[in-house]
């Protein structure tokens, strides 16, 4: 049985704590697409520290996403290695 997609407002922060590890990739891909479409350029993705499974998935998605200009660990006051900060390229006039 397919579940309806969950809709949530897109802001400059995505907290993945509520997502199952199996849903992380799709959630991050959809988030990046919508954030880029909205013209956001500075993002923070909170994946938690744990054993690094979500962090690795996030980093793999970021590495292959053309709209991502740069990413790295968040500063200590913003989550340190439990969060990743992302800089997106500016969207063009048609959203790309």
PDB file of N, CA and C in Angstrom:
ATOM      1  N   UNK A   1       0.828  -1.170   0.000  1.00  0.00           N
ATOM      2  CA  UNK A   1       0.000   0.000   0.000  1.00  0.00           C
ATOM      3  C   UNK A   1       0.881   1.245   0.000  1.00  0.00           C
ATOM      4  N   UNK A   2       0.715   2.099  -1.006  1.00  0.00           N
ATOM      5  CA  UNK A   2       1.497   3.329  -1.110  1.00  0.00           C
ATOM      6  C   UNK A   2       0.932   4.380  -0.182  1.00  0.00           C
ATOM      7  N   UNK A   3       1.836   5.089   0.472  1.00  0.00           N
ATOM      8  CA  UNK A   3       1.429   6.173   1.340  1.00  0.00           C
ATOM      9  C   UNK A   3       1.436   7.471   0.553  1.00  0.00           C
ATOM     10  N   UNK A   4       0.581   8.397   0.963  1.00  0.00           N
ATOM     11  CA  UNK A   4       0.571   9.720   0.353  1.00  0.00           C
ATOM     12  C   UNK A   4       1.873  10.423   0.717  1.00  0.00           C
ATOM     13  N   UNK A   5       2.440  11.201  -0.214  1.00  0.00           N
ATOM     14  CA  UNK A   5       3.653  11.950   0.136  1.00  0.00           C
ATOM     15  C   UNK A   5       3.358  12.946   1.255  1.00  0.00           C
ATOM     16  N   UNK A   6       4.336  13.117   2.108  1.00  0.00           N
ATOM     17  CA  UNK A   6       4.200  14.067   3.196  1.00  0.00           C
ATOM     18  C   UNK A   6       4.598  15.439   2.669  1.00  0.00           C
ATOM     19  N   UNK A   7       3.749  16.430   2.889  1.00  0.00           N
ATOM     20  CA  UNK A   7       4.050  17.791   2.466  1.00  0.00           C
ATOM     21  C   UNK A   7       4.495  18.581   3.689  1.00  0.00           C
ATOM     22  N   UNK A   8       5.568  19.339   3.520  1.00  0.00           N
ATOM     23  CA  UNK A   8       6.048  20.176   4.610  1.00  0.00           C
ATOM     24  C   UNK A   8       6.598  21.466   4.021  1.00  0.00           C
ATOM     25  N   UNK A   9       6.522  22.568   4.771  1.00  0.00           N
ATOM     26  CA  UNK A   9       7.034  23.830   4.247  1.00  0.00           C
ATOM     27  C   UNK A   9       8.549  23.761   4.104  1.00  0.00           C
ATOM     28  N   UNK A  10       9.044  24.304   3.028  1.00  0.00           N
ATOM     29  CA  UNK A  10      10.492  24.297   2.787  1.00  0.00           C
ATOM     30  C   UNK A  10      11.089  25.584   3.329  1.00  0.00           C
ATOM     31  N   UNK A  11      12.034  25.422   4.250  1.00  0.00           N
ATOM     32  CA  UNK A  11      12.754  26.564   4.804  1.00  0.00           C
ATOM     33  C   UNK A  11      14.237  26.294   4.601  1.00  0.00           C
ATOM     34  N   UNK A  12      15.082  27.056   5.270  1.00  0.00           N
ATOM     35  CA  UNK A  12      16.519  26.869   5.104  1.00  0.00           C
ATOM     36  C   UNK A  12      17.080  25.744   5.974  1.00  0.00           C
ATOM     37  N   UNK A  13      16.218  25.065   6.741  1.00  0.00           N
ATOM     38  CA  UNK A  13      16.663  23.955   7.588  1.00  0.00           C
ATOM     39  C   UNK A  13      15.779  22.736   7.338  1.00  0.00           C
ATOM     40  N   UNK A  14      16.425  21.595   7.149  1.00  0.00           N
ATOM     41  CA  UNK A  14      15.713  20.316   7.042  1.00  0.00           C
ATOM     42  C   UNK A  14      16.215  19.425   8.161  1.00  0.00           C
ATOM     43  N   UNK A  15      15.317  19.007   9.049  1.00  0.00           N
ATOM     44  CA  UNK A  15      15.671  18.112  10.155  1.00  0.00           C
ATOM     45  C   UNK A  15      15.226  16.707   9.784  1.00  0.00           C
ATOM     46  N   UNK A  16      16.197  15.819   9.604  1.00  0.00           N
ATOM     47  CA  UNK A  16      15.921  14.452   9.160  1.00  0.00           C
ATOM     48  C   UNK A  16      15.622  13.487  10.298  1.00  0.00           C
ATOM     49  N   UNK A  17      15.579  13.975  11.528  1.00  0.00           N
ATOM     50  CA  UNK A  17      15.311  13.080  12.658  1.00  0.00           C
ATOM     51  C   UNK A  17      13.994  12.335  12.521  1.00  0.00           C
ATOM     52  N   UNK A  18      13.007  12.942  11.889  1.00  0.00           N
ATOM     53  CA  UNK A  18      11.694  12.304  11.776  1.00  0.00           C
ATOM     54  C   UNK A  18      11.581  11.375  10.569  1.00  0.00           C
ATOM     55  N   UNK A  19      12.614  11.311   9.740  1.00  0.00           N
ATOM     56  CA  UNK A  19      12.594  10.453   8.553  1.00  0.00           C
ATOM     57  C   UNK A  19      13.302   9.134   8.836  1.00  0.00           C
ATOM     58  N   UNK A  20      12.729   8.044   8.345  1.00  0.00           N
ATOM     59  CA  UNK A  20      13.388   6.738   8.443  1.00  0.00           C
ATOM     60  C   UNK A  20      14.607   6.758   7.527  1.00  0.00           C
ATOM     61  N   UNK A  21      15.665   6.028   7.879  1.00  0.00           N
ATOM     62  CA  UNK A  21      16.855   6.007   7.016  1.00  0.00           C
ATOM     63  C   UNK A  21      16.526   5.673   5.556  1.00  0.00           C
ATOM     64  N   UNK A  22      15.565   4.790   5.332  1.00  0.00           N
ATOM     65  CA  UNK A  22      15.230   4.402   3.948  1.00  0.00           C
ATOM     66  C   UNK A  22      14.603   5.551   3.160  1.00  0.00           C
ATOM     67  N   UNK A  23      14.073   6.566   3.859  1.00  0.00           N
ATOM     68  CA  UNK A  23      13.431   7.705   3.204  1.00  0.00           C
ATOM     69  C   UNK A  23      14.355   8.916   3.061  1.00  0.00           C
ATOM     70  N   UNK A  24      15.549   8.825   3.615  1.00  0.00           N
ATOM     71  CA  UNK A  24      16.459   9.968   3.646  1.00  0.00           C
ATOM     72  C   UNK A  24      16.819  10.460   2.255  1.00  0.00           C
ATOM     73  N   UNK A  25      17.209   9.572   1.364  1.00  0.00           N
ATOM     74  CA  UNK A  25      17.643   9.980   0.031  1.00  0.00           C
ATOM     75  C   UNK A  25      16.536  10.745  -0.703  1.00  0.00           C
ATOM     76  N   UNK A  26      15.348  10.181  -0.751  1.00  0.00           N
ATOM     77  CA  UNK A  26      14.239  10.827  -1.453  1.00  0.00           C
ATOM     78  C   UNK A  26      13.877  12.168  -0.807  1.00  0.00           C
ATOM     79  N   UNK A  27      13.903  12.224   0.524  1.00  0.00           N
ATOM     80  CA  UNK A  27      13.569  13.467   1.228  1.00  0.00           C
ATOM     81  C   UNK A  27      14.574  14.561   0.895  1.00  0.00           C
ATOM     82  N   UNK A  28      15.857  14.232   0.904  1.00  0.00           N
ATOM     83  CA  UNK A  28      16.890  15.223   0.628  1.00  0.00           C
ATOM     84  C   UNK A  28      16.821  15.679  -0.833  1.00  0.00           C
ATOM     85  N   UNK A  29      16.619  14.746  -1.746  1.00  0.00           N
ATOM     86  CA  UNK A  29      16.514  15.109  -3.167  1.00  0.00           C
ATOM     87  C   UNK A  29      15.348  16.074  -3.393  1.00  0.00           C
ATOM     88  N   UNK A  30      14.180  15.761  -2.823  1.00  0.00           N
ATOM     89  CA  UNK A  30      12.998  16.616  -2.987  1.00  0.00           C
ATOM     90  C   UNK A  30      13.227  17.975  -2.320  1.00  0.00           C
ATOM     91  N   UNK A  31      13.843  17.970  -1.144  1.00  0.00           N
ATOM     92  CA  UNK A  31      14.124  19.209  -0.424  1.00  0.00           C
ATOM     93  C   UNK A  31      15.049  20.116  -1.230  1.00  0.00           C
ATOM     94  N   UNK A  32      16.128  19.553  -1.755  1.00  0.00           N
ATOM     95  CA  UNK A  32      17.083  20.359  -2.525  1.00  0.00           C
ATOM     96  C   UNK A  32      16.432  20.955  -3.764  1.00  0.00           C
ATOM     97  N   UNK A  33      15.629  20.162  -4.433  1.00  0.00           N
ATOM     98  CA  UNK A  33      14.947  20.648  -5.636  1.00  0.00           C
ATOM     99  C   UNK A  33      14.024  21.825  -5.306  1.00  0.00           C
ATOM    100  N   UNK A  34      13.241  21.677  -4.248  1.00  0.00           N
ATOM    101  CA  UNK A  34      12.302  22.731  -3.874  1.00  0.00           C
ATOM    102  C   UNK A  34      13.025  23.959  -3.322  1.00  0.00           C
ATOM    103  N   UNK A  35      14.066  23.750  -2.524  1.00  0.00           N
ATOM    104  CA  UNK A  35      14.833  24.882  -1.980  1.00  0.00           C
ATOM    105  C   UNK A  35      15.463  25.680  -3.115  1.00  0.00           C
ATOM    106  N   UNK A  36      16.005  24.987  -4.100  1.00  0.00           N
ATOM    107  CA  UNK A  36      16.612  25.657  -5.252  1.00  0.00           C
ATOM    108  C   UNK A  36      15.549  26.414  -6.045  1.00  0.00           C
ATOM    109  N   UNK A  37      14.395  25.781  -6.246  1.00  0.00           N
ATOM    110  CA  UNK A  37      13.303  26.417  -6.978  1.00  0.00           C
ATOM    111  C   UNK A  37      12.847  27.700  -6.273  1.00  0.00           C
ATOM    112  N   UNK A  38      12.853  27.674  -4.929  1.00  0.00           N
ATOM    113  CA  UNK A  38      12.428  28.844  -4.145  1.00  0.00           C
ATOM    114  C   UNK A  38      13.520  29.914  -4.057  1.00  0.00           C
ATOM    115  N   UNK A  39      14.715  29.623  -4.554  1.00  0.00           N
ATOM    116  CA  UNK A  39      15.790  30.607  -4.535  1.00  0.00           C
ATOM    117  C   UNK A  39      16.607  30.627  -3.264  1.00  0.00           C
ATOM    118  N   UNK A  40      16.428  29.624  -2.394  1.00  0.00           N
ATOM    119  CA  UNK A  40      17.247  29.557  -1.176  1.00  0.00           C
ATOM    120  C   UNK A  40      18.678  29.200  -1.570  1.00  0.00           C
ATOM    121  N   UNK A  41      19.652  29.764  -0.889  1.00  0.00           N
ATOM    122  CA  UNK A  41      21.043  29.461  -1.222  1.00  0.00           C
ATOM    123  C   UNK A  41      21.856  28.934  -0.045  1.00  0.00           C
ATOM    124  N   UNK A  42      21.443  29.214   1.183  1.00  0.00           N
ATOM    125  CA  UNK A  42      22.163  28.753   2.373  1.00  0.00           C
ATOM    126  C   UNK A  42      21.240  27.834   3.173  1.00  0.00           C
ATOM    127  N   UNK A  43      21.612  26.560   3.246  1.00  0.00           N
ATOM    128  CA  UNK A  43      20.774  25.547   3.886  1.00  0.00           C
ATOM    129  C   UNK A  43      21.538  24.833   4.992  1.00  0.00           C
ATOM    130  N   UNK A  44      20.773  24.238   5.904  1.00  0.00           N
ATOM    131  CA  UNK A  44      21.363  23.363   6.921  1.00  0.00           C
ATOM    132  C   UNK A  44      20.509  22.112   6.984  1.00  0.00           C
ATOM    133  N   UNK A  45      21.143  20.965   6.806  1.00  0.00           N
ATOM    134  CA  UNK A  45      20.460  19.682   6.881  1.00  0.00           C
ATOM    135  C   UNK A  45      20.929  18.988   8.155  1.00  0.00           C
ATOM    136  N   UNK A  46      19.994  18.747   9.067  1.00  0.00           N
ATOM    137  CA  UNK A  46      20.314  18.111  10.348  1.00  0.00           C
ATOM    138  C   UNK A  46      20.072  16.613  10.199  1.00  0.00           C
ATOM    139  N   UNK A  47      21.150  15.846  10.306  1.00  0.00           N
ATOM    140  CA  UNK A  47      21.037  14.397  10.161  1.00  0.00           C
ATOM    141  C   UNK A  47      21.349  13.665  11.446  1.00  0.00           C
ATOM    142  N   UNK A  48      21.870  14.365  12.426  1.00  0.00           N
ATOM    143  CA  UNK A  48      22.218  13.742  13.694  1.00  0.00           C
ATOM    144  C   UNK A  48      23.611  13.127  13.637  1.00  0.00           C
ATOM    145  N   UNK A  49      24.110  12.736  14.786  1.00  0.00           N
ATOM    146  CA  UNK A  49      25.468  12.201  14.858  1.00  0.00           C
ATOM    147  C   UNK A  49      25.464  10.689  14.712  1.00  0.00           C
ATOM    148  N   UNK A  50      24.695   9.987  15.491  1.00  0.00           N
ATOM    149  CA  UNK A  50      24.538   8.539  15.378  1.00  0.00           C
ATOM    150  C   UNK A  50      25.755   7.804  14.861  1.00  0.00           C
ATOM    151  N   UNK A  51      25.525   6.832  13.975  1.00  0.00           N
ATOM    152  CA  UNK A  51      26.630   6.066  13.392  1.00  0.00           C
ATOM    153  C   UNK A  51      26.985   6.561  11.991  1.00  0.00           C
ATOM    154  N   UNK A  52      26.309   7.616  11.539  1.00  0.00           N
ATOM    155  CA  UNK A  52      26.683   8.270  10.289  1.00  0.00           C
ATOM    156  C   UNK A  52      25.970   7.802   9.037  1.00  0.00           C
ATOM    157  N   UNK A  53      24.942   6.957   9.168  1.00  0.00           N
ATOM    158  CA  UNK A  53      24.245   6.440   7.988  1.00  0.00           C
ATOM    159  C   UNK A  53      23.523   7.565   7.249  1.00  0.00           C
ATOM    160  N   UNK A  54      22.734   8.358   7.963  1.00  0.00           N
ATOM    161  CA  UNK A  54      22.017   9.460   7.313  1.00  0.00           C
ATOM    162  C   UNK A  54      23.006  10.494   6.779  1.00  0.00           C
ATOM    163  N   UNK A  55      24.050  10.780   7.535  1.00  0.00           N
ATOM    164  CA  UNK A  55      25.058  11.756   7.096  1.00  0.00           C
ATOM    165  C   UNK A  55      25.659  11.321   5.766  1.00  0.00           C
ATOM    166  N   UNK A  56      26.012  10.058   5.656  1.00  0.00           N
ATOM    167  CA  UNK A  56      26.614   9.551   4.423  1.00  0.00           C
ATOM    168  C   UNK A  56      25.633   9.636   3.261  1.00  0.00           C
ATOM    169  N   UNK A  57      24.379   9.298   3.500  1.00  0.00           N
ATOM    170  CA  UNK A  57      23.360   9.395   2.447  1.00  0.00           C
ATOM    171  C   UNK A  57      23.201  10.842   2.000  1.00  0.00           C
ATOM    172  N   UNK A  58      23.124  11.763   2.960  1.00  0.00           N
ATOM    173  CA  UNK A  58      23.003  13.186   2.642  1.00  0.00           C
ATOM    174  C   UNK A  58      24.179  13.629   1.776  1.00  0.00           C
ATOM    175  N   UNK A  59      25.377  13.279   2.174  1.00  0.00           N
ATOM    176  CA  UNK A  59      26.582  13.714   1.451  1.00  0.00           C
ATOM    177  C   UNK A  59      26.631  13.119   0.040  1.00  0.00           C
ATOM    178  N   UNK A  60      26.173  11.886  -0.127  1.00  0.00           N
ATOM    179  CA  UNK A  60      26.140  11.280  -1.466  1.00  0.00           C
ATOM    180  C   UNK A  60      25.179  12.038  -2.378  1.00  0.00           C
ATOM    181  N   UNK A  61      24.007  12.382  -1.855  1.00  0.00           N
ATOM    182  CA  UNK A  61      23.028  13.145  -2.648  1.00  0.00           C
ATOM    183  C   UNK A  61      23.608  14.517  -2.998  1.00  0.00           C
ATOM    184  N   UNK A  62      24.203  15.201  -2.026  1.00  0.00           N
ATOM    185  CA  UNK A  62      24.758  16.534  -2.266  1.00  0.00           C
ATOM    186  C   UNK A  62      25.855  16.492  -3.325  1.00  0.00           C
ATOM    187  N   UNK A  63      26.697  15.474  -3.277  1.00  0.00           N
ATOM    188  CA  UNK A  63      27.831  15.378  -4.204  1.00  0.00           C
ATOM    189  C   UNK A  63      27.390  15.229  -5.654  1.00  0.00           C
ATOM    190  N   UNK A  64      26.215  14.689  -5.880  1.00  0.00           N
ATOM    191  CA  UNK A  64      25.772  14.469  -7.265  1.00  0.00           C
ATOM    192  C   UNK A  64      24.663  15.425  -7.717  1.00  0.00           C
ATOM    193  N   UNK A  65      24.342  16.420  -6.886  1.00  0.00           N
ATOM    194  CA  UNK A  65      23.279  17.366  -7.219  1.00  0.00           C
ATOM    195  C   UNK A  65      23.879  18.616  -7.858  1.00  0.00           C
ATOM    196  N   UNK A  66      23.545  18.894  -9.131  1.00  0.00           N
ATOM    197  CA  UNK A  66      24.155  20.018  -9.841  1.00  0.00           C
ATOM    198  C   UNK A  66      23.924  21.384  -9.199  1.00  0.00           C
ATOM    199  N   UNK A  67      22.821  21.585  -8.497  1.00  0.00           N
ATOM    200  CA  UNK A  67      22.543  22.899  -7.900  1.00  0.00           C
ATOM    201  C   UNK A  67      23.369  23.159  -6.641  1.00  0.00           C
ATOM    202  N   UNK A  68      24.085  22.139  -6.133  1.00  0.00           N
ATOM    203  CA  UNK A  68      24.894  22.302  -4.918  1.00  0.00           C
ATOM    204  C   UNK A  68      26.271  22.850  -5.286  1.00  0.00           C
ATOM    205  N   UNK A  69      26.600  24.020  -4.748  1.00  0.00           N
ATOM    206  CA  UNK A  69      27.907  24.634  -4.996  1.00  0.00           C
ATOM    207  C   UNK A  69      28.945  24.128  -3.998  1.00  0.00           C
ATOM    208  N   UNK A  70      28.534  23.936  -2.737  1.00  0.00           N
ATOM    209  CA  UNK A  70      29.477  23.553  -1.682  1.00  0.00           C
ATOM    210  C   UNK A  70      28.704  22.969  -0.504  1.00  0.00           C
ATOM    211  N   UNK A  71      29.346  22.066   0.245  1.00  0.00           N
ATOM    212  CA  UNK A  71      28.757  21.570   1.490  1.00  0.00           C
ATOM    213  C   UNK A  71      29.863  21.129   2.433  1.00  0.00           C
ATOM    214  N   UNK A  72      29.540  21.117   3.727  1.00  0.00           N
ATOM    215  CA  UNK A  72      30.502  20.695   4.732  1.00  0.00           C
ATOM    216  C   UNK A  72      29.843  20.632   6.101  1.00  0.00           C
ATOM    217  N   UNK A  73      30.637  20.261   7.108  1.00  0.00           N
ATOM    218  CA  UNK A  73      30.113  20.198   8.470  1.00  0.00           C
ATOM    219  C   UNK A  73      29.643  21.578   8.917  1.00  0.00           C
ATOM    220  N   UNK A  74      28.566  21.586   9.678  1.00  0.00           N
ATOM    221  CA  UNK A  74      28.070  22.837  10.250  1.00  0.00           C
ATOM    222  C   UNK A  74      29.036  23.298  11.338  1.00  0.00           C
ATOM    223  N   UNK A  75      29.066  24.606  11.627  1.00  0.00           N
ATOM    224  CA  UNK A  75      29.867  25.071  12.760  1.00  0.00           C
ATOM    225  C   UNK A  75      29.344  24.433  14.047  1.00  0.00           C
ATOM    226  N   UNK A  76      30.169  24.362  15.058  1.00  0.00           N
ATOM    227  CA  UNK A  76      29.800  23.716  16.322  1.00  0.00           C
ATOM    228  C   UNK A  76      28.481  24.237  16.881  1.00  0.00           C
ATOM    229  N   UNK A  77      28.259  25.550  16.805  1.00  0.00           N
ATOM    230  CA  UNK A  77      27.037  26.134  17.372  1.00  0.00           C
ATOM    231  C   UNK A  77      25.789  25.822  16.531  1.00  0.00           C
ATOM    232  N   UNK A  78      25.991  25.252  15.336  1.00  0.00           N
ATOM    233  CA  UNK A  78      24.859  24.914  14.464  1.00  0.00           C
ATOM    234  C   UNK A  78      24.730  23.405  14.261  1.00  0.00           C
ATOM    235  N   UNK A  79      25.381  22.630  15.120  1.00  0.00           N
ATOM    236  CA  UNK A  79      25.223  21.185  15.048  1.00  0.00           C
ATOM    237  C   UNK A  79      26.492  20.397  14.784  1.00  0.00           C
ATOM    238  N   UNK A  80      27.579  21.090  14.438  1.00  0.00           N
ATOM    239  CA  UNK A  80      28.842  20.389  14.178  1.00  0.00           C
ATOM    240  C   UNK A  80      28.667  19.278  13.159  1.00  0.00           C
ATOM    241  N   UNK A  81      29.274  18.122  13.423  1.00  0.00           N
ATOM    242  CA  UNK A  81      29.181  17.040  12.439  1.00  0.00           C
ATOM    243  C   UNK A  81      27.832  16.324  12.455  1.00  0.00           C
ATOM    244  N   UNK A  82      26.885  16.818  13.263  1.00  0.00           N
ATOM    245  CA  UNK A  82      25.525  16.295  13.251  1.00  0.00           C
ATOM    246  C   UNK A  82      24.633  17.023  12.257  1.00  0.00           C
ATOM    247  N   UNK A  83      25.216  17.990  11.556  1.00  0.00           N
ATOM    248  CA  UNK A  83      24.478  18.742  10.539  1.00  0.00           C
ATOM    249  C   UNK A  83      25.431  19.104   9.409  1.00  0.00           C
ATOM    250  N   UNK A  84      24.869  19.292   8.233  1.00  0.00           N
ATOM    251  CA  UNK A  84      25.652  19.679   7.067  1.00  0.00           C
ATOM    252  C   UNK A  84      25.111  21.001   6.546  1.00  0.00           C
ATOM    253  N   UNK A  85      26.013  21.959   6.326  1.00  0.00           N
ATOM    254  CA  UNK A  85      25.609  23.220   5.716  1.00  0.00           C
ATOM    255  C   UNK A  85      25.841  23.103   4.213  1.00  0.00           C
ATOM    256  N   UNK A  86      24.918  23.704   3.472  1.00  0.00           N
ATOM    257  CA  UNK A  86      24.921  23.573   2.018  1.00  0.00           C
ATOM    258  C   UNK A  86      24.784  24.956   1.399  1.00  0.00           C
ATOM    259  N   UNK A  87      25.557  25.212   0.365  1.00  0.00           N
ATOM    260  CA  UNK A  87      25.401  26.418  -0.432  1.00  0.00           C
ATOM    261  C   UNK A  87      24.911  25.985  -1.807  1.00  0.00           C
ATOM    262  N   UNK A  88      23.751  26.519  -2.184  1.00  0.00           N
ATOM    263  CA  UNK A  88      23.195  26.225  -3.510  1.00  0.00           C
ATOM    264  C   UNK A  88      23.574  27.327  -4.483  1.00  0.00           C
ATOM    265  N   UNK A  89      23.727  26.941  -5.732  1.00  0.00           N
ATOM    266  CA  UNK A  89      23.892  27.934  -6.790  1.00  0.00           C
ATOM    267  C   UNK A  89      22.574  28.701  -6.920  1.00  0.00           C
ATOM    268  N   UNK A  90      22.637  29.921  -7.309  1.00  0.00           N
ATOM    269  CA  UNK A  90      21.423  30.706  -7.513  1.00  0.00           C
ATOM    270  C   UNK A  90      20.650  30.149  -8.696  1.00  0.00           C
ATOM    271  N   UNK A  91      19.335  30.062  -8.525  1.00  0.00           N
ATOM    272  CA  UNK A  91      18.475  29.613  -9.610  1.00  0.00           C
ATOM    273  C   UNK A  91      18.355  30.722 -10.635  1.00  0.00           C
ATOM    274  N   UNK A  92      18.276  30.339 -11.903  1.00  0.00           N
ATOM    275  CA  UNK A  92      18.080  31.310 -12.977  1.00  0.00           C
ATOM    276  C   UNK A  92      16.650  31.817 -12.976  1.00  0.00           C
ATOM    277  N   UNK A  93      16.321  32.701 -13.911  1.00  0.00           N
ATOM    278  CA  UNK A  93      14.978  33.282 -13.940  1.00  0.00           C
ATOM    279  C   UNK A  93      13.868  32.258 -14.156  1.00  0.00           C
ATOM    280  N   UNK A  94      14.184  31.119 -14.758  1.00  0.00           N
ATOM    281  CA  UNK A  94      13.162  30.086 -14.970  1.00  0.00           C
ATOM    282  C   UNK A  94      13.208  29.016 -13.899  1.00  0.00           C
ATOM    283  N   UNK A  95      13.932  29.266 -12.802  1.00  0.00           N
ATOM    284  CA  UNK A  95      13.982  28.338 -11.683  1.00  0.00           C
ATOM    285  C   UNK A  95      15.058  27.287 -11.795  1.00  0.00           C
ATOM    286  N   UNK A  96      15.919  27.387 -12.832  1.00  0.00           N
ATOM    287  CA  UNK A  96      16.994  26.385 -13.008  1.00  0.00           C
ATOM    288  C   UNK A  96      18.351  27.018 -12.960  1.00  0.00           C
TER     289      UNK A  96
END
